[in-house]
């Protein structure tokens, strides 16, 4: 399999996943206060949104790369 085809397939898969799940959350643990050996920590959740235009563009570019890799003459 050619590298351009593999990269295109991965990019198309990422675009498809981003269309299916456009919003995801991440967790981050932060130190709130420290008293000697005692630490008080807080878990903070942050939401991230992937724009639909970016997801669609990744899917289309990935499919074009796969098609181009399959179409190239050997």
PDB file of N, CA and C in Angstrom:
ATOM      1  N   UNK A   1       0.854  -1.180   0.000  1.00  0.00           N
ATOM      2  CA  UNK A   1       0.000   0.000   0.000  1.00  0.00           C
ATOM      3  C   UNK A   1       0.895   1.237   0.000  1.00  0.00           C
ATOM      4  N   UNK A   2       0.518   2.223  -0.793  1.00  0.00           N
ATOM      5  CA  UNK A   2       1.315   3.439  -0.931  1.00  0.00           C
ATOM      6  C   UNK A   2       1.097   4.353   0.272  1.00  0.00           C
ATOM      7  N   UNK A   3       2.119   5.125   0.629  1.00  0.00           N
ATOM      8  CA  UNK A   3       1.996   6.039   1.781  1.00  0.00           C
ATOM      9  C   UNK A   3       0.873   7.069   1.618  1.00  0.00           C
ATOM     10  N   UNK A   4       0.677   7.586   0.408  1.00  0.00           N
ATOM     11  CA  UNK A   4      -0.377   8.587   0.209  1.00  0.00           C
ATOM     12  C   UNK A   4      -1.750   7.971   0.455  1.00  0.00           C
ATOM     13  N   UNK A   5      -1.920   6.710   0.111  1.00  0.00           N
ATOM     14  CA  UNK A   5      -3.194   6.028   0.336  1.00  0.00           C
ATOM     15  C   UNK A   5      -3.432   5.812   1.825  1.00  0.00           C
ATOM     16  N   UNK A   6      -2.399   5.426   2.553  1.00  0.00           N
ATOM     17  CA  UNK A   6      -2.546   5.202   3.992  1.00  0.00           C
ATOM     18  C   UNK A   6      -2.823   6.515   4.728  1.00  0.00           C
ATOM     19  N   UNK A   7      -2.095   7.570   4.385  1.00  0.00           N
ATOM     20  CA  UNK A   7      -2.314   8.865   5.023  1.00  0.00           C
ATOM     21  C   UNK A   7      -3.721   9.375   4.710  1.00  0.00           C
ATOM     22  N   UNK A   8      -4.146   9.203   3.464  1.00  0.00           N
ATOM     23  CA  UNK A   8      -5.496   9.614   3.076  1.00  0.00           C
ATOM     24  C   UNK A   8      -6.569   8.841   3.819  1.00  0.00           C
ATOM     25  N   UNK A   9      -6.371   7.540   4.006  1.00  0.00           N
ATOM     26  CA  UNK A   9      -7.342   6.724   4.734  1.00  0.00           C
ATOM     27  C   UNK A   9      -7.426   7.159   6.199  1.00  0.00           C
ATOM     28  N   UNK A  10      -6.286   7.442   6.803  1.00  0.00           N
ATOM     29  CA  UNK A  10      -6.277   7.904   8.201  1.00  0.00           C
ATOM     30  C   UNK A  10      -6.964   9.259   8.314  1.00  0.00           C
ATOM     31  N   UNK A  11      -6.684  10.171   7.395  1.00  0.00           N
ATOM     32  CA  UNK A  11      -7.297  11.492   7.407  1.00  0.00           C
ATOM     33  C   UNK A  11      -8.813  11.406   7.203  1.00  0.00           C
ATOM     34  N   UNK A  12      -9.248  10.535   6.286  1.00  0.00           N
ATOM     35  CA  UNK A  12     -10.682  10.350   6.056  1.00  0.00           C
ATOM     36  C   UNK A  12     -11.356   9.762   7.296  1.00  0.00           C
ATOM     37  N   UNK A  13     -10.703   8.832   7.965  1.00  0.00           N
ATOM     38  CA  UNK A  13     -11.257   8.239   9.179  1.00  0.00           C
ATOM     39  C   UNK A  13     -11.377   9.283  10.288  1.00  0.00           C
ATOM     40  N   UNK A  14     -10.360  10.122  10.438  1.00  0.00           N
ATOM     41  CA  UNK A  14     -10.414  11.194  11.446  1.00  0.00           C
ATOM     42  C   UNK A  14     -11.554  12.169  11.121  1.00  0.00           C
ATOM     43  N   UNK A  15     -11.720  12.514   9.854  1.00  0.00           N
ATOM     44  CA  UNK A  15     -12.815  13.397   9.454  1.00  0.00           C
ATOM     45  C   UNK A  15     -14.175  12.784   9.724  1.00  0.00           C
ATOM     46  N   UNK A  16     -14.313  11.493   9.466  1.00  0.00           N
ATOM     47  CA  UNK A  16     -15.572  10.794   9.722  1.00  0.00           C
ATOM     48  C   UNK A  16     -15.884  10.741  11.212  1.00  0.00           C
ATOM     49  N   UNK A  17     -14.868  10.462  12.025  1.00  0.00           N
ATOM     50  CA  UNK A  17     -15.064  10.442  13.475  1.00  0.00           C
ATOM     51  C   UNK A  17     -15.421  11.825  14.010  1.00  0.00           C
ATOM     52  N   UNK A  18     -14.816  12.861  13.445  1.00  0.00           N
ATOM     53  CA  UNK A  18     -15.110  14.220  13.887  1.00  0.00           C
ATOM     54  C   UNK A  18     -16.531  14.635  13.512  1.00  0.00           C
ATOM     55  N   UNK A  19     -17.031  14.130  12.395  1.00  0.00           N
ATOM     56  CA  UNK A  19     -18.418  14.413  12.025  1.00  0.00           C
ATOM     57  C   UNK A  19     -19.369  13.671  12.961  1.00  0.00           C
ATOM     58  N   UNK A  20     -19.027  12.438  13.311  1.00  0.00           N
ATOM     59  CA  UNK A  20     -19.886  11.637  14.181  1.00  0.00           C
ATOM     60  C   UNK A  20     -19.886  12.143  15.618  1.00  0.00           C
ATOM     61  N   UNK A  21     -18.751  12.624  16.109  1.00  0.00           N
ATOM     62  CA  UNK A  21     -18.614  13.093  17.501  1.00  0.00           C
ATOM     63  C   UNK A  21     -17.942  14.461  17.483  1.00  0.00           C
ATOM     64  N   UNK A  22     -18.696  15.555  17.205  1.00  0.00           N
ATOM     65  CA  UNK A  22     -18.059  16.868  17.060  1.00  0.00           C
ATOM     66  C   UNK A  22     -17.637  17.528  18.374  1.00  0.00           C
ATOM     67  N   UNK A  23     -18.163  17.076  19.497  1.00  0.00           N
ATOM     68  CA  UNK A  23     -17.822  17.687  20.783  1.00  0.00           C
ATOM     69  C   UNK A  23     -17.230  16.619  21.693  1.00  0.00           C
ATOM     70  N   UNK A  24     -16.069  16.919  22.285  1.00  0.00           N
ATOM     71  CA  UNK A  24     -15.460  15.985  23.225  1.00  0.00           C
ATOM     72  C   UNK A  24     -14.951  16.775  24.423  1.00  0.00           C
ATOM     73  N   UNK A  25     -14.799  16.071  25.544  1.00  0.00           N
ATOM     74  CA  UNK A  25     -14.341  16.722  26.770  1.00  0.00           C
ATOM     75  C   UNK A  25     -13.019  16.119  27.219  1.00  0.00           C
ATOM     76  N   UNK A  26     -12.233  16.952  27.876  1.00  0.00           N
ATOM     77  CA  UNK A  26     -10.978  16.500  28.467  1.00  0.00           C
ATOM     78  C   UNK A  26     -10.992  16.854  29.946  1.00  0.00           C
ATOM     79  N   UNK A  27     -10.269  16.085  30.732  1.00  0.00           N
ATOM     80  CA  UNK A  27     -10.151  16.326  32.170  1.00  0.00           C
ATOM     81  C   UNK A  27      -8.737  16.768  32.501  1.00  0.00           C
ATOM     82  N   UNK A  28      -8.637  17.739  33.414  1.00  0.00           N
ATOM     83  CA  UNK A  28      -7.339  18.216  33.859  1.00  0.00           C
ATOM     84  C   UNK A  28      -7.379  18.381  35.370  1.00  0.00           C
ATOM     85  N   UNK A  29      -6.381  17.828  36.048  1.00  0.00           N
ATOM     86  CA  UNK A  29      -6.284  17.951  37.495  1.00  0.00           C
ATOM     87  C   UNK A  29      -5.353  19.115  37.832  1.00  0.00           C
ATOM     88  N   UNK A  30      -5.858  20.035  38.657  1.00  0.00           N
ATOM     89  CA  UNK A  30      -5.069  21.208  39.041  1.00  0.00           C
ATOM     90  C   UNK A  30      -4.906  21.228  40.560  1.00  0.00           C
ATOM     91  N   UNK A  31      -3.747  21.689  41.008  1.00  0.00           N
ATOM     92  CA  UNK A  31      -3.524  21.887  42.435  1.00  0.00           C
ATOM     93  C   UNK A  31      -4.170  23.205  42.849  1.00  0.00           C
ATOM     94  N   UNK A  32      -5.079  23.130  43.836  1.00  0.00           N
ATOM     95  CA  UNK A  32      -5.766  24.323  44.313  1.00  0.00           C
ATOM     96  C   UNK A  32      -4.989  24.956  45.461  1.00  0.00           C
ATOM     97  N   UNK A  33      -4.559  24.123  46.395  1.00  0.00           N
ATOM     98  CA  UNK A  33      -3.824  24.638  47.561  1.00  0.00           C
ATOM     99  C   UNK A  33      -2.866  23.567  48.057  1.00  0.00           C
ATOM    100  N   UNK A  34      -1.768  23.998  48.670  1.00  0.00           N
ATOM    101  CA  UNK A  34      -0.796  23.085  49.253  1.00  0.00           C
ATOM    102  C   UNK A  34      -0.463  23.572  50.661  1.00  0.00           C
ATOM    103  N   UNK A  35      -0.648  22.677  51.633  1.00  0.00           N
ATOM    104  CA  UNK A  35      -0.309  22.962  53.028  1.00  0.00           C
ATOM    105  C   UNK A  35       0.675  21.902  53.491  1.00  0.00           C
ATOM    106  N   UNK A  36       1.947  22.186  53.395  1.00  0.00           N
ATOM    107  CA  UNK A  36       2.955  21.197  53.768  1.00  0.00           C
ATOM    108  C   UNK A  36       2.897  20.000  52.831  1.00  0.00           C
ATOM    109  N   UNK A  37       2.611  18.824  53.401  1.00  0.00           N
ATOM    110  CA  UNK A  37       2.504  17.606  52.594  1.00  0.00           C
ATOM    111  C   UNK A  37       1.096  17.381  52.048  1.00  0.00           C
ATOM    112  N   UNK A  38       0.145  18.202  52.453  1.00  0.00           N
ATOM    113  CA  UNK A  38      -1.256  18.037  52.028  1.00  0.00           C
ATOM    114  C   UNK A  38      -1.505  18.872  50.781  1.00  0.00           C
ATOM    115  N   UNK A  39      -2.075  18.229  49.759  1.00  0.00           N
ATOM    116  CA  UNK A  39      -2.417  18.924  48.517  1.00  0.00           C
ATOM    117  C   UNK A  39      -3.926  18.817  48.306  1.00  0.00           C
ATOM    118  N   UNK A  40      -4.535  19.921  47.934  1.00  0.00           N
ATOM    119  CA  UNK A  40      -5.943  19.930  47.556  1.00  0.00           C
ATOM    120  C   UNK A  40      -5.987  20.112  46.041  1.00  0.00           C
ATOM    121  N   UNK A  41      -6.633  19.152  45.375  1.00  0.00           N
ATOM    122  CA  UNK A  41      -6.678  19.174  43.918  1.00  0.00           C
ATOM    123  C   UNK A  41      -8.124  19.261  43.444  1.00  0.00           C
ATOM    124  N   UNK A  42      -8.299  19.856  42.274  1.00  0.00           N
ATOM    125  CA  UNK A  42      -9.610  19.955  41.642  1.00  0.00           C
ATOM    126  C   UNK A  42      -9.520  19.373  40.238  1.00  0.00           C
ATOM    127  N   UNK A  43     -10.562  18.653  39.855  1.00  0.00           N
ATOM    128  CA  UNK A  43     -10.640  18.071  38.519  1.00  0.00           C
ATOM    129  C   UNK A  43     -11.508  18.985  37.661  1.00  0.00           C
ATOM    130  N   UNK A  44     -10.943  19.514  36.585  1.00  0.00           N
ATOM    131  CA  UNK A  44     -11.647  20.466  35.736  1.00  0.00           C
ATOM    132  C   UNK A  44     -11.920  19.842  34.374  1.00  0.00           C
ATOM    133  N   UNK A  45     -13.187  19.863  33.940  1.00  0.00           N
ATOM    134  CA  UNK A  45     -13.562  19.348  32.629  1.00  0.00           C
ATOM    135  C   UNK A  45     -13.673  20.511  31.645  1.00  0.00           C
ATOM    136  N   UNK A  46     -13.136  20.304  30.453  1.00  0.00           N
ATOM    137  CA  UNK A  46     -13.189  21.313  29.408  1.00  0.00           C
ATOM    138  C   UNK A  46     -13.776  20.690  28.156  1.00  0.00           C
ATOM    139  N   UNK A  47     -14.748  21.356  27.556  1.00  0.00           N
ATOM    140  CA  UNK A  47     -15.366  20.877  26.318  1.00  0.00           C
ATOM    141  C   UNK A  47     -14.677  21.520  25.123  1.00  0.00           C
ATOM    142  N   UNK A  48     -14.498  20.728  24.075  1.00  0.00           N
ATOM    143  CA  UNK A  48     -13.895  21.203  22.833  1.00  0.00           C
ATOM    144  C   UNK A  48     -14.831  20.846  21.687  1.00  0.00           C
ATOM    145  N   UNK A  49     -15.025  21.767  20.773  1.00  0.00           N
ATOM    146  CA  UNK A  49     -15.890  21.537  19.610  1.00  0.00           C
ATOM    147  C   UNK A  49     -15.052  21.596  18.335  1.00  0.00           C
ATOM    148  N   UNK A  50     -15.285  20.641  17.448  1.00  0.00           N
ATOM    149  CA  UNK A  50     -14.601  20.611  16.157  1.00  0.00           C
ATOM    150  C   UNK A  50     -15.574  21.197  15.128  1.00  0.00           C
ATOM    151  N   UNK A  51     -15.175  22.252  14.414  1.00  0.00           N
ATOM    152  CA  UNK A  51     -16.079  22.863  13.431  1.00  0.00           C
ATOM    153  C   UNK A  51     -16.439  21.864  12.319  1.00  0.00           C
ATOM    154  N   UNK A  52     -17.705  21.840  11.897  1.00  0.00           N
ATOM    155  CA  UNK A  52     -18.131  20.897  10.852  1.00  0.00           C
ATOM    156  C   UNK A  52     -17.392  21.097   9.531  1.00  0.00           C
ATOM    157  N   UNK A  53     -17.035  22.334   9.207  1.00  0.00           N
ATOM    158  CA  UNK A  53     -16.322  22.587   7.954  1.00  0.00           C
ATOM    159  C   UNK A  53     -14.948  21.921   7.972  1.00  0.00           C
ATOM    160  N   UNK A  54     -14.302  21.902   9.129  1.00  0.00           N
ATOM    161  CA  UNK A  54     -12.997  21.254   9.265  1.00  0.00           C
ATOM    162  C   UNK A  54     -13.128  19.732   9.144  1.00  0.00           C
ATOM    163  N   UNK A  55     -14.169  19.188   9.751  1.00  0.00           N
ATOM    164  CA  UNK A  55     -14.405  17.746   9.674  1.00  0.00           C
ATOM    165  C   UNK A  55     -14.681  17.321   8.235  1.00  0.00           C
ATOM    166  N   UNK A  56     -15.542  18.078   7.567  1.00  0.00           N
ATOM    167  CA  UNK A  56     -15.863  17.762   6.173  1.00  0.00           C
ATOM    168  C   UNK A  56     -14.660  17.899   5.258  1.00  0.00           C
ATOM    169  N   UNK A  57     -13.860  18.919   5.498  1.00  0.00           N
ATOM    170  CA  UNK A  57     -12.663  19.115   4.673  1.00  0.00           C
ATOM    171  C   UNK A  57     -11.670  17.971   4.863  1.00  0.00           C
ATOM    172  N   UNK A  58     -11.495  17.515   6.103  1.00  0.00           N
ATOM    173  CA  UNK A  58     -10.580  16.398   6.356  1.00  0.00           C
ATOM    174  C   UNK A  58     -11.078  15.133   5.661  1.00  0.00           C
ATOM    175  N   UNK A  59     -12.383  14.902   5.700  1.00  0.00           N
ATOM    176  CA  UNK A  59     -12.953  13.725   5.044  1.00  0.00           C
ATOM    177  C   UNK A  59     -12.751  13.789   3.532  1.00  0.00           C
ATOM    178  N   UNK A  60     -13.037  14.937   2.934  1.00  0.00           N
ATOM    179  CA  UNK A  60     -12.912  15.072   1.477  1.00  0.00           C
ATOM    180  C   UNK A  60     -11.457  14.971   1.033  1.00  0.00           C
ATOM    181  N   UNK A  61     -10.558  15.660   1.731  1.00  0.00           N
ATOM    182  CA  UNK A  61      -9.137  15.599   1.364  1.00  0.00           C
ATOM    183  C   UNK A  61      -8.607  14.170   1.515  1.00  0.00           C
ATOM    184  N   UNK A  62      -9.019  13.489   2.569  1.00  0.00           N
ATOM    185  CA  UNK A  62      -8.599  12.107   2.770  1.00  0.00           C
ATOM    186  C   UNK A  62      -9.076  11.197   1.648  1.00  0.00           C
ATOM    187  N   UNK A  63     -10.326  11.355   1.244  1.00  0.00           N
ATOM    188  CA  UNK A  63     -10.854  10.526   0.150  1.00  0.00           C
ATOM    189  C   UNK A  63     -10.163  10.829  -1.174  1.00  0.00           C
ATOM    190  N   UNK A  64      -9.850  12.107  -1.411  1.00  0.00           N
ATOM    191  CA  UNK A  64      -9.128  12.477  -2.635  1.00  0.00           C
ATOM    192  C   UNK A  64      -7.723  11.870  -2.620  1.00  0.00           C
ATOM    193  N   UNK A  65      -7.074  11.868  -1.461  1.00  0.00           N
ATOM    194  CA  UNK A  65      -5.736  11.272  -1.363  1.00  0.00           C
ATOM    195  C   UNK A  65      -5.791   9.759  -1.596  1.00  0.00           C
ATOM    196  N   UNK A  66      -6.806   9.091  -1.070  1.00  0.00           N
ATOM    197  CA  UNK A  66      -6.955   7.644  -1.292  1.00  0.00           C
ATOM    198  C   UNK A  66      -7.175   7.383  -2.778  1.00  0.00           C
ATOM    199  N   UNK A  67      -8.072   8.147  -3.387  1.00  0.00           N
ATOM    200  CA  UNK A  67      -8.343   7.959  -4.813  1.00  0.00           C
ATOM    201  C   UNK A  67      -7.098   8.247  -5.647  1.00  0.00           C
ATOM    202  N   UNK A  68      -6.364   9.292  -5.292  1.00  0.00           N
ATOM    203  CA  UNK A  68      -5.140   9.609  -6.023  1.00  0.00           C
ATOM    204  C   UNK A  68      -4.081   8.530  -5.870  1.00  0.00           C
ATOM    205  N   UNK A  69      -3.977   7.959  -4.683  1.00  0.00           N
ATOM    206  CA  UNK A  69      -3.016   6.889  -4.465  1.00  0.00           C
ATOM    207  C   UNK A  69      -3.374   5.611  -5.214  1.00  0.00           C
ATOM    208  N   UNK A  70      -4.659   5.343  -5.342  1.00  0.00           N
ATOM    209  CA  UNK A  70      -5.097   4.153  -6.076  1.00  0.00           C
ATOM    210  C   UNK A  70      -5.012   4.361  -7.592  1.00  0.00           C
ATOM    211  N   UNK A  71      -5.144   5.614  -8.024  1.00  0.00           N
ATOM    212  CA  UNK A  71      -5.165   5.913  -9.460  1.00  0.00           C
ATOM    213  C   UNK A  71      -3.771   6.024 -10.059  1.00  0.00           C
ATOM    214  N   UNK A  72      -2.750   6.336  -9.227  1.00  0.00           N
ATOM    215  CA  UNK A  72      -1.389   6.509  -9.773  1.00  0.00           C
ATOM    216  C   UNK A  72      -0.926   5.262 -10.484  1.00  0.00           C
ATOM    217  N   UNK A  73      -0.233   5.508 -11.594  1.00  0.00           N
ATOM    218  CA  UNK A  73       0.319   4.369 -12.347  1.00  0.00           C
ATOM    219  C   UNK A  73       1.560   3.856 -11.651  1.00  0.00           C
ATOM    220  N   UNK A  74       1.765   2.580 -11.726  1.00  0.00           N
ATOM    221  CA  UNK A  74       2.907   1.951 -11.038  1.00  0.00           C
ATOM    222  C   UNK A  74       4.124   2.048 -11.846  1.00  0.00           C
TER     223      UNK A  74
END
